[in-house]
PDB file of N, CA and C in Angstrom:
ATOM      1  N   UNK A   1       0.943  -1.114  -0.054  1.00  0.00           N
ATOM      2  CA  UNK A   1       0.470   0.061  -0.335  1.00  0.00           C
ATOM      3  C   UNK A   1       0.964   1.335  -0.126  1.00  0.00           C
ATOM      4  N   UNK A   2       0.541   2.082  -1.015  1.00  0.00           N
ATOM      5  CA  UNK A   2       1.493   3.352  -1.162  1.00  0.00           C
ATOM      6  C   UNK A   2       1.063   4.345  -0.265  1.00  0.00           C
ATOM      7  N   UNK A   3       1.266   5.242   0.188  1.00  0.00           N
ATOM      8  CA  UNK A   3       1.047   6.230   1.368  1.00  0.00           C
ATOM      9  C   UNK A   3       1.129   6.358   2.760  1.00  0.00           C
ATOM     10  N   UNK A   4       0.270   7.128   3.707  1.00  0.00           N
ATOM     11  CA  UNK A   4       0.809   7.127   5.249  1.00  0.00           C
ATOM     12  C   UNK A   4      -0.141   6.353   5.666  1.00  0.00           C
ATOM     13  N   UNK A   5      -0.090   6.848   7.074  1.00  0.00           N
ATOM     14  CA  UNK A   5       0.777   8.078   7.905  1.00  0.00           C
ATOM     15  C   UNK A   5       1.982   7.324   7.555  1.00  0.00           C
ATOM     16  N   UNK A   6       3.052   8.360   7.716  1.00  0.00           N
ATOM     17  CA  UNK A   6       4.139   8.363   7.460  1.00  0.00           C
ATOM     18  C   UNK A   6       4.807   9.287   8.405  1.00  0.00           C
ATOM     19  N   UNK A   7       5.737   8.567   8.953  1.00  0.00           N
ATOM     20  CA  UNK A   7       6.916   9.926   9.679  1.00  0.00           C
ATOM     21  C   UNK A   7       8.412   9.976   9.342  1.00  0.00           C
ATOM     22  N   UNK A   8       8.625  11.279   9.595  1.00  0.00           N
ATOM     23  CA  UNK A   8      10.059  11.223   9.038  1.00  0.00           C
ATOM     24  C   UNK A   8      11.374  11.858  10.402  1.00  0.00           C
ATOM     25  N   UNK A   9      12.701  11.503  10.195  1.00  0.00           N
ATOM     26  CA  UNK A   9      13.743  12.016  10.497  1.00  0.00           C
ATOM     27  C   UNK A   9      14.166  13.084  10.134  1.00  0.00           C
ATOM     28  N   UNK A  10      14.279  14.400  10.956  1.00  0.00           N
ATOM     29  CA  UNK A  10      14.487  15.608  10.166  1.00  0.00           C
ATOM     30  C   UNK A  10      15.976  15.616  10.498  1.00  0.00           C
ATOM     31  N   UNK A  11      16.785  15.832   9.295  1.00  0.00           N
ATOM     32  CA  UNK A  11      18.627  16.602  10.074  1.00  0.00           C
ATOM     33  C   UNK A  11      18.353  17.864   9.260  1.00  0.00           C
ATOM     34  N   UNK A  12      18.913  18.935   9.923  1.00  0.00           N
ATOM     35  CA  UNK A  12      19.389  20.236   9.358  1.00  0.00           C
ATOM     36  C   UNK A  12      20.505  20.578   8.885  1.00  0.00           C
ATOM     37  N   UNK A  13      20.936  21.775   7.139  1.00  0.00           N
ATOM     38  CA  UNK A  13      22.332  21.414   7.084  1.00  0.00           C
ATOM     39  C   UNK A  13      22.091  22.794   6.744  1.00  0.00           C
ATOM     40  N   UNK A  14      23.835  23.521   6.681  1.00  0.00           N
ATOM     41  CA  UNK A  14      23.415  24.657   6.469  1.00  0.00           C
ATOM     42  C   UNK A  14      23.956  25.016   5.129  1.00  0.00           C
ATOM     43  N   UNK A  15      22.559  25.917   4.414  1.00  0.00           N
ATOM     44  CA  UNK A  15      22.324  26.539   3.076  1.00  0.00           C
ATOM     45  C   UNK A  15      23.144  27.731   2.723  1.00  0.00           C
ATOM     46  N   UNK A  16      24.502  27.606   2.201  1.00  0.00           N
ATOM     47  CA  UNK A  16      24.847  29.086   1.811  1.00  0.00           C
ATOM     48  C   UNK A  16      24.621  29.712   0.884  1.00  0.00           C
ATOM     49  N   UNK A  17      24.163  30.733   0.763  1.00  0.00           N
ATOM     50  CA  UNK A  17      23.552  31.523  -0.241  1.00  0.00           C
ATOM     51  C   UNK A  17      25.063  31.751  -1.064  1.00  0.00           C
ATOM     52  N   UNK A  18      25.367  31.551  -2.459  1.00  0.00           N
ATOM     53  CA  UNK A  18      26.599  31.487  -3.303  1.00  0.00           C
ATOM     54  C   UNK A  18      26.045  32.648  -4.207  1.00  0.00           C
ATOM     55  N   UNK A  19      24.861  33.006  -4.380  1.00  0.00           N
ATOM     56  CA  UNK A  19      24.691  33.836  -5.664  1.00  0.00           C
ATOM     57  C   UNK A  19      23.149  34.347  -5.451  1.00  0.00           C
ATOM     58  N   UNK A  20      22.656  35.413  -5.636  1.00  0.00           N
ATOM     59  CA  UNK A  20      21.517  36.411  -5.768  1.00  0.00           C
ATOM     60  C   UNK A  20      21.327  37.074  -6.651  1.00  0.00           C
ATOM     61  N   UNK A  21      20.150  36.944  -7.293  1.00  0.00           N
ATOM     62  CA  UNK A  21      19.931  37.708  -8.319  1.00  0.00           C
ATOM     63  C   UNK A  21      18.471  38.604  -7.957  1.00  0.00           C
ATOM     64  N   UNK A  22      18.645  39.914  -8.062  1.00  0.00           N
ATOM     65  CA  UNK A  22      17.934  40.595  -7.249  1.00  0.00           C
ATOM     66  C   UNK A  22      16.673  41.108  -8.779  1.00  0.00           C
ATOM     67  N   UNK A  23      16.790  40.692  -9.536  1.00  0.00           N
ATOM     68  CA  UNK A  23      16.191  41.010 -10.816  1.00  0.00           C
ATOM     69  C   UNK A  23      15.174  40.020 -10.631  1.00  0.00           C
ATOM     70  N   UNK A  24      15.434  39.085 -10.546  1.00  0.00           N
ATOM     71  CA  UNK A  24      14.557  37.527 -10.769  1.00  0.00           C
ATOM     72  C   UNK A  24      14.111  37.141  -9.324  1.00  0.00           C
ATOM     73  N   UNK A  25      15.027  38.245  -7.927  1.00  0.00           N
ATOM     74  CA  UNK A  25      14.080  37.239  -6.814  1.00  0.00           C
ATOM     75  C   UNK A  25      14.507  36.064  -6.741  1.00  0.00           C
ATOM     76  N   UNK A  26      15.910  35.430  -7.158  1.00  0.00           N
ATOM     77  CA  UNK A  26      16.016  34.001  -6.896  1.00  0.00           C
ATOM     78  C   UNK A  26      17.613  34.198  -6.285  1.00  0.00           C
ATOM     79  N   UNK A  27      17.809  33.128  -5.551  1.00  0.00           N
ATOM     80  CA  UNK A  27      19.268  32.757  -4.769  1.00  0.00           C
ATOM     81  C   UNK A  27      19.509  31.561  -5.155  1.00  0.00           C
ATOM     82  N   UNK A  28      20.844  30.754  -5.187  1.00  0.00           N
ATOM     83  CA  UNK A  28      21.811  29.870  -5.169  1.00  0.00           C
ATOM     84  C   UNK A  28      22.239  29.532  -3.675  1.00  0.00           C
ATOM     85  N   UNK A  29      22.146  28.421  -3.763  1.00  0.00           N
ATOM     86  CA  UNK A  29      22.581  27.547  -2.272  1.00  0.00           C
ATOM     87  C   UNK A  29      23.110  26.585  -2.605  1.00  0.00           C
ATOM     88  N   UNK A  30      24.448  26.766  -1.821  1.00  0.00           N
ATOM     89  CA  UNK A  30      25.344  25.401  -1.683  1.00  0.00           C
ATOM     90  C   UNK A  30      25.075  24.545  -0.054  1.00  0.00           C
ATOM     91  N   UNK A  31      24.907  23.483  -0.299  1.00  0.00           N
ATOM     92  CA  UNK A  31      24.902  22.909   0.629  1.00  0.00           C
ATOM     93  C   UNK A  31      25.420  21.135   0.763  1.00  0.00           C
ATOM     94  N   UNK A  32      26.330  20.961   1.893  1.00  0.00           N
ATOM     95  CA  UNK A  32      26.857  19.734   1.749  1.00  0.00           C
ATOM     96  C   UNK A  32      25.976  18.699   2.193  1.00  0.00           C
ATOM     97  N   UNK A  33      25.931  17.571   1.378  1.00  0.00           N
ATOM     98  CA  UNK A  33      25.464  16.406   2.127  1.00  0.00           C
ATOM     99  C   UNK A  33      26.564  15.281   2.456  1.00  0.00           C
ATOM    100  N   UNK A  34      27.031  15.381   3.659  1.00  0.00           N
ATOM    101  CA  UNK A  34      27.631  13.944   3.676  1.00  0.00           C
ATOM    102  C   UNK A  34      28.887  14.047   2.794  1.00  0.00           C
ATOM    103  N   UNK A  35      29.269  15.217   3.025  1.00  0.00           N
ATOM    104  CA  UNK A  35      31.158  15.811   2.570  1.00  0.00           C
ATOM    105  C   UNK A  35      30.753  15.875   0.880  1.00  0.00           C
ATOM    106  N   UNK A  36      29.300  15.901   0.507  1.00  0.00           N
ATOM    107  CA  UNK A  36      29.455  15.885  -1.085  1.00  0.00           C
ATOM    108  C   UNK A  36      28.715  17.526  -1.206  1.00  0.00           C
ATOM    109  N   UNK A  37      29.220  18.266  -1.953  1.00  0.00           N
ATOM    110  CA  UNK A  37      28.420  19.949  -2.189  1.00  0.00           C
ATOM    111  C   UNK A  37      27.233  19.628  -3.204  1.00  0.00           C
ATOM    112  N   UNK A  38      26.255  20.291  -2.938  1.00  0.00           N
ATOM    113  CA  UNK A  38      25.276  20.173  -4.142  1.00  0.00           C
ATOM    114  C   UNK A  38      24.782  21.402  -3.750  1.00  0.00           C
ATOM    115  N   UNK A  39      24.123  22.279  -5.177  1.00  0.00           N
ATOM    116  CA  UNK A  39      23.808  23.745  -5.298  1.00  0.00           C
ATOM    117  C   UNK A  39      22.151  23.190  -5.713  1.00  0.00           C
ATOM    118  N   UNK A  40      21.162  24.316  -4.849  1.00  0.00           N
ATOM    119  CA  UNK A  40      20.292  24.417  -5.073  1.00  0.00           C
ATOM    120  C   UNK A  40      19.650  25.505  -5.438  1.00  0.00           C
ATOM    121  N   UNK A  41      18.457  26.366  -6.042  1.00  0.00           N
ATOM    122  CA  UNK A  41      17.800  27.706  -6.519  1.00  0.00           C
ATOM    123  C   UNK A  41      16.426  27.456  -5.321  1.00  0.00           C
ATOM    124  N   UNK A  42      16.288  28.970  -5.083  1.00  0.00           N
ATOM    125  CA  UNK A  42      15.467  28.944  -4.084  1.00  0.00           C
ATOM    126  C   UNK A  42      14.128  28.767  -4.429  1.00  0.00           C
ATOM    127  N   UNK A  43      13.963  28.866  -5.936  1.00  0.00           N
ATOM    128  CA  UNK A  43      12.889  28.631  -6.878  1.00  0.00           C
ATOM    129  C   UNK A  43      12.418  27.117  -6.916  1.00  0.00           C
ATOM    130  N   UNK A  44      13.585  26.577  -7.603  1.00  0.00           N
ATOM    131  CA  UNK A  44      13.885  25.542  -7.947  1.00  0.00           C
ATOM    132  C   UNK A  44      13.227  24.787  -6.363  1.00  0.00           C
ATOM    133  N   UNK A  45      13.315  24.748  -5.134  1.00  0.00           N
ATOM    134  CA  UNK A  45      12.733  24.483  -4.177  1.00  0.00           C
ATOM    135  C   UNK A  45      11.426  24.522  -3.560  1.00  0.00           C
ATOM    136  N   UNK A  46      11.282  25.617  -3.568  1.00  0.00           N
ATOM    137  CA  UNK A  46       9.955  26.304  -3.416  1.00  0.00           C
ATOM    138  C   UNK A  46       8.781  26.566  -4.505  1.00  0.00           C
ATOM    139  N   UNK A  47       9.147  26.305  -5.646  1.00  0.00           N
ATOM    140  CA  UNK A  47       8.057  26.814  -6.531  1.00  0.00           C
ATOM    141  C   UNK A  47       7.632  28.420  -6.581  1.00  0.00           C
ATOM    142  N   UNK A  48       8.507  29.071  -5.802  1.00  0.00           N
ATOM    143  CA  UNK A  48       8.787  30.701  -6.227  1.00  0.00           C
ATOM    144  C   UNK A  48       9.215  31.519  -5.981  1.00  0.00           C
ATOM    145  N   UNK A  49       9.607  32.513  -6.182  1.00  0.00           N
ATOM    146  CA  UNK A  49      10.819  33.730  -6.193  1.00  0.00           C
ATOM    147  C   UNK A  49      10.246  34.193  -5.005  1.00  0.00           C
ATOM    148  N   UNK A  50      11.822  34.396  -4.288  1.00  0.00           N
ATOM    149  CA  UNK A  50      11.433  35.853  -3.024  1.00  0.00           C
ATOM    150  C   UNK A  50      10.626  36.780  -3.272  1.00  0.00           C
ATOM    151  N   UNK A  51      10.322  36.824  -1.999  1.00  0.00           N
ATOM    152  CA  UNK A  51       9.382  38.562  -2.332  1.00  0.00           C
ATOM    153  C   UNK A  51      10.325  39.846  -2.033  1.00  0.00           C
ATOM    154  N   UNK A  52       9.820  40.388  -2.313  1.00  0.00           N
ATOM    155  CA  UNK A  52      11.078  42.057  -1.395  1.00  0.00           C
ATOM    156  C   UNK A  52      10.539  41.793  -0.377  1.00  0.00           C
ATOM    157  N   UNK A  53       9.959  41.511   0.532  1.00  0.00           N
ATOM    158  CA  UNK A  53       9.846  41.774   2.336  1.00  0.00           C
ATOM    159  C   UNK A  53      10.941  41.008   2.955  1.00  0.00           C
ATOM    160  N   UNK A  54      10.635  39.110   1.677  1.00  0.00           N
ATOM    161  CA  UNK A  54      11.731  38.483   2.787  1.00  0.00           C
ATOM    162  C   UNK A  54      12.631  38.689   2.138  1.00  0.00           C
ATOM    163  N   UNK A  55      13.485  39.534   1.168  1.00  0.00           N
ATOM    164  CA  UNK A  55      14.563  39.868   1.078  1.00  0.00           C
ATOM    165  C   UNK A  55      15.135  40.789   2.061  1.00  0.00           C
ATOM    166  N   UNK A  56      14.419  41.588   2.716  1.00  0.00           N
ATOM    167  CA  UNK A  56      14.898  42.745   3.312  1.00  0.00           C
ATOM    168  C   UNK A  56      14.541  42.355   4.572  1.00  0.00           C
ATOM    169  N   UNK A  57      13.635  41.675   4.943  1.00  0.00           N
ATOM    170  CA  UNK A  57      13.855  40.748   6.477  1.00  0.00           C
ATOM    171  C   UNK A  57      14.446  40.212   6.484  1.00  0.00           C
ATOM    172  N   UNK A  58      14.743  39.082   5.515  1.00  0.00           N
ATOM    173  CA  UNK A  58      15.948  37.679   6.035  1.00  0.00           C
ATOM    174  C   UNK A  58      17.510  38.495   5.851  1.00  0.00           C
ATOM    175  N   UNK A  59      17.367  39.524   4.895  1.00  0.00           N
ATOM    176  CA  UNK A  59      18.791  39.720   4.768  1.00  0.00           C
ATOM    177  C   UNK A  59      19.547  39.429   3.822  1.00  0.00           C
ATOM    178  N   UNK A  60      18.804  38.631   2.955  1.00  0.00           N
ATOM    179  CA  UNK A  60      19.417  37.582   1.633  1.00  0.00           C
ATOM    180  C   UNK A  60      20.834  38.610   0.926  1.00  0.00           C
ATOM    181  N   UNK A  61      21.758  37.950   1.292  1.00  0.00           N
ATOM    182  CA  UNK A  61      23.045  38.114   0.296  1.00  0.00           C
ATOM    183  C   UNK A  61      24.014  37.148   0.580  1.00  0.00           C
ATOM    184  N   UNK A  62      24.699  37.375  -0.477  1.00  0.00           N
ATOM    185  CA  UNK A  62      25.948  36.173  -0.651  1.00  0.00           C
ATOM    186  C   UNK A  62      26.838  35.963   0.496  1.00  0.00           C
ATOM    187  N   UNK A  63      26.767  34.846   0.918  1.00  0.00           N
ATOM    188  CA  UNK A  63      27.516  34.271   2.305  1.00  0.00           C
ATOM    189  C   UNK A  63      26.776  34.225   3.761  1.00  0.00           C
ATOM    190  N   UNK A  64      24.912  34.821   3.157  1.00  0.00           N
ATOM    191  CA  UNK A  64      24.461  34.319   4.384  1.00  0.00           C
ATOM    192  C   UNK A  64      24.023  32.519   4.221  1.00  0.00           C
ATOM    193  N   UNK A  65      23.976  32.093   5.910  1.00  0.00           N
ATOM    194  CA  UNK A  65      23.741  30.427   5.599  1.00  0.00           C
ATOM    195  C   UNK A  65      22.288  30.459   6.076  1.00  0.00           C
ATOM    196  N   UNK A  66      21.380  29.680   6.180  1.00  0.00           N
ATOM    197  CA  UNK A  66      20.159  29.297   6.304  1.00  0.00           C
ATOM    198  C   UNK A  66      19.904  28.180   6.269  1.00  0.00           C
ATOM    199  N   UNK A  67      19.008  27.503   6.900  1.00  0.00           N
ATOM    200  CA  UNK A  67      18.638  26.212   7.026  1.00  0.00           C
ATOM    201  C   UNK A  67      18.113  25.322   6.130  1.00  0.00           C
ATOM    202  N   UNK A  68      18.313  24.380   5.679  1.00  0.00           N
ATOM    203  CA  UNK A  68      17.643  23.377   4.815  1.00  0.00           C
ATOM    204  C   UNK A  68      17.818  21.561   5.434  1.00  0.00           C
ATOM    205  N   UNK A  69      16.360  21.630   5.563  1.00  0.00           N
ATOM    206  CA  UNK A  69      15.982  20.690   6.123  1.00  0.00           C
ATOM    207  C   UNK A  69      15.767  19.367   5.382  1.00  0.00           C
ATOM    208  N   UNK A  70      16.432  18.384   5.986  1.00  0.00           N
ATOM    209  CA  UNK A  70      16.196  17.003   4.862  1.00  0.00           C
ATOM    210  C   UNK A  70      15.317  15.745   6.180  1.00  0.00           C
ATOM    211  N   UNK A  71      14.188  15.644   5.482  1.00  0.00           N
ATOM    212  CA  UNK A  71      13.540  14.664   5.881  1.00  0.00           C
ATOM    213  C   UNK A  71      13.397  13.392   5.055  1.00  0.00           C
ATOM    214  N   UNK A  72      13.842  12.352   5.885  1.00  0.00           N
ATOM    215  CA  UNK A  72      13.809  10.907   5.749  1.00  0.00           C
ATOM    216  C   UNK A  72      12.908  10.235   6.334  1.00  0.00           C
ATOM    217  N   UNK A  73      12.535   9.226   5.138  1.00  0.00           N
ATOM    218  CA  UNK A  73      11.317   8.825   6.148  1.00  0.00           C
ATOM    219  C   UNK A  73      11.592   7.230   7.105  1.00  0.00           C
ATOM    220  N   UNK A  74      10.997   7.745   8.027  1.00  0.00           N
ATOM    221  CA  UNK A  74      11.240   6.785   9.132  1.00  0.00           C
ATOM    222  C   UNK A  74      10.378   5.570   9.022  1.00  0.00           C
ATOM    223  N   UNK A  75       8.827   5.808   8.690  1.00  0.00           N
ATOM    224  CA  UNK A  75       7.779   4.632   8.531  1.00  0.00           C
ATOM    225  C   UNK A  75       6.809   5.463   7.499  1.00  0.00           C
ATOM    226  N   UNK A  76       6.142   4.193   7.140  1.00  0.00           N
ATOM    227  CA  UNK A  76       5.251   4.409   5.786  1.00  0.00           C
ATOM    228  C   UNK A  76       5.809   4.034   4.313  1.00  0.00           C
ATOM    229  N   UNK A  77       5.191   4.544   3.589  1.00  0.00           N
ATOM    230  CA  UNK A  77       5.548   4.337   1.876  1.00  0.00           C
ATOM    231  C   UNK A  77       5.343   5.579   1.070  1.00  0.00           C
ATOM    232  N   UNK A  78       5.590   6.978   1.810  1.00  0.00           N
ATOM    233  CA  UNK A  78       5.267   8.021   1.295  1.00  0.00           C
ATOM    234  C   UNK A  78       6.638   8.393   0.458  1.00  0.00           C
ATOM    235  N   UNK A  79       6.857   9.831  -0.103  1.00  0.00           N
ATOM    236  CA  UNK A  79       8.381  10.173  -0.532  1.00  0.00           C
ATOM    237  C   UNK A  79       9.058   9.935   0.572  1.00  0.00           C
ATOM    238  N   UNK A  80      10.201   9.244   0.202  1.00  0.00           N
ATOM    239  CA  UNK A  80      11.395   8.480   0.883  1.00  0.00           C
ATOM    240  C   UNK A  80      12.363   9.879   1.398  1.00  0.00           C
ATOM    241  N   UNK A  81      12.709  11.006   0.541  1.00  0.00           N
ATOM    242  CA  UNK A  81      13.383  11.871   1.296  1.00  0.00           C
ATOM    243  C   UNK A  81      12.577  13.591   0.834  1.00  0.00           C
ATOM    244  N   UNK A  82      12.516  14.469   1.857  1.00  0.00           N
ATOM    245  CA  UNK A  82      11.892  15.868   1.535  1.00  0.00           C
ATOM    246  C   UNK A  82      13.471  16.737   1.839  1.00  0.00           C
ATOM    247  N   UNK A  83      13.250  17.540   0.561  1.00  0.00           N
ATOM    248  CA  UNK A  83      14.672  19.215   1.158  1.00  0.00           C
ATOM    249  C   UNK A  83      13.247  20.248   1.267  1.00  0.00           C
ATOM    250  N   UNK A  84      13.752  20.766   2.696  1.00  0.00           N
ATOM    251  CA  UNK A  84      12.525  22.052   2.839  1.00  0.00           C
ATOM    252  C   UNK A  84      13.751  23.325   3.080  1.00  0.00           C
ATOM    253  N   UNK A  85      14.006  24.428   2.267  1.00  0.00           N
ATOM    254  CA  UNK A  85      14.640  25.220   2.621  1.00  0.00           C
ATOM    255  C   UNK A  85      13.484  25.970   3.483  1.00  0.00           C
ATOM    256  N   UNK A  86      14.448  26.582   4.818  1.00  0.00           N
ATOM    257  CA  UNK A  86      13.672  27.312   6.462  1.00  0.00           C
ATOM    258  C   UNK A  86      14.372  28.884   5.972  1.00  0.00           C
ATOM    259  N   UNK A  87      13.504  29.607   5.587  1.00  0.00           N
ATOM    260  CA  UNK A  87      14.198  30.701   5.802  1.00  0.00           C
ATOM    261  C   UNK A  87      14.507  31.414   6.994  1.00  0.00           C
ATOM    262  N   UNK A  88      15.447  30.897   8.003  1.00  0.00           N
ATOM    263  CA  UNK A  88      15.993  30.834   8.997  1.00  0.00           C
ATOM    264  C   UNK A  88      17.364  30.663   9.303  1.00  0.00           C
ATOM    265  N   UNK A  89      17.988  31.621   9.957  1.00  0.00           N
ATOM    266  CA  UNK A  89      19.592  32.002   9.720  1.00  0.00           C
ATOM    267  C   UNK A  89      19.505  30.416  10.565  1.00  0.00           C
ATOM    268  N   UNK A  90      21.277  29.804   9.858  1.00  0.00           N
ATOM    269  CA  UNK A  90      21.490  28.731  10.271  1.00  0.00           C
ATOM    270  C   UNK A  90      22.505  28.573  11.611  1.00  0.00           C
ATOM    271  N   UNK A  91      22.075  27.987  12.760  1.00  0.00           N
ATOM    272  CA  UNK A  91      22.844  28.078  13.789  1.00  0.00           C
ATOM    273  C   UNK A  91      23.009  26.618  14.714  1.00  0.00           C
ATOM    274  N   UNK A  92      24.143  26.092  14.390  1.00  0.00           N
ATOM    275  CA  UNK A  92      24.600  25.169  14.092  1.00  0.00           C
ATOM    276  C   UNK A  92      24.625  24.619  16.077  1.00  0.00           C
ATOM    277  N   UNK A  93      24.515  25.566  17.026  1.00  0.00           N
ATOM    278  CA  UNK A  93      24.651  25.248  18.623  1.00  0.00           C
ATOM    279  C   UNK A  93      23.369  25.331  19.173  1.00  0.00           C
ATOM    280  N   UNK A  94      22.085  25.690  18.011  1.00  0.00           N
ATOM    281  CA  UNK A  94      20.728  25.667  18.134  1.00  0.00           C
ATOM    282  C   UNK A  94      19.821  24.505  17.583  1.00  0.00           C
ATOM    283  N   UNK A  95      20.560  23.400  16.933  1.00  0.00           N
ATOM    284  CA  UNK A  95      20.085  22.735  16.029  1.00  0.00           C
ATOM    285  C   UNK A  95      20.884  21.014  16.425  1.00  0.00           C
ATOM    286  N   UNK A  96      19.664  20.279  17.139  1.00  0.00           N
ATOM    287  CA  UNK A  96      20.573  18.994  17.624  1.00  0.00           C
ATOM    288  C   UNK A  96      20.148  18.209  16.252  1.00  0.00           C
ATOM    289  N   UNK A  97      21.616  17.174  16.264  1.00  0.00           N
ATOM    290  CA  UNK A  97      22.167  16.508  15.084  1.00  0.00           C
ATOM    291  C   UNK A  97      21.804  15.194  15.397  1.00  0.00           C
TER     292      UNK A  97
END
């Protein structure tokens, strides 16, 4: 049977802004998953562009580091891995590994 209920284990990774396009309101992030770097666009992950308010309040700029949540399935038969970009600054001391 495909579907839920499902539960996930979440791991947080630092997602560093490596490029910011103010005309498109999009940002490119670099994330290291288990020692291997990968890049993701904001629009690619969220299916939306940043708003002017988000850029202003979150201070989007090259070098800023936000949180990338990686949800790995623990039980059930839902999507096995879900990546979520959170518009929260990454703080390794505040996140349980």
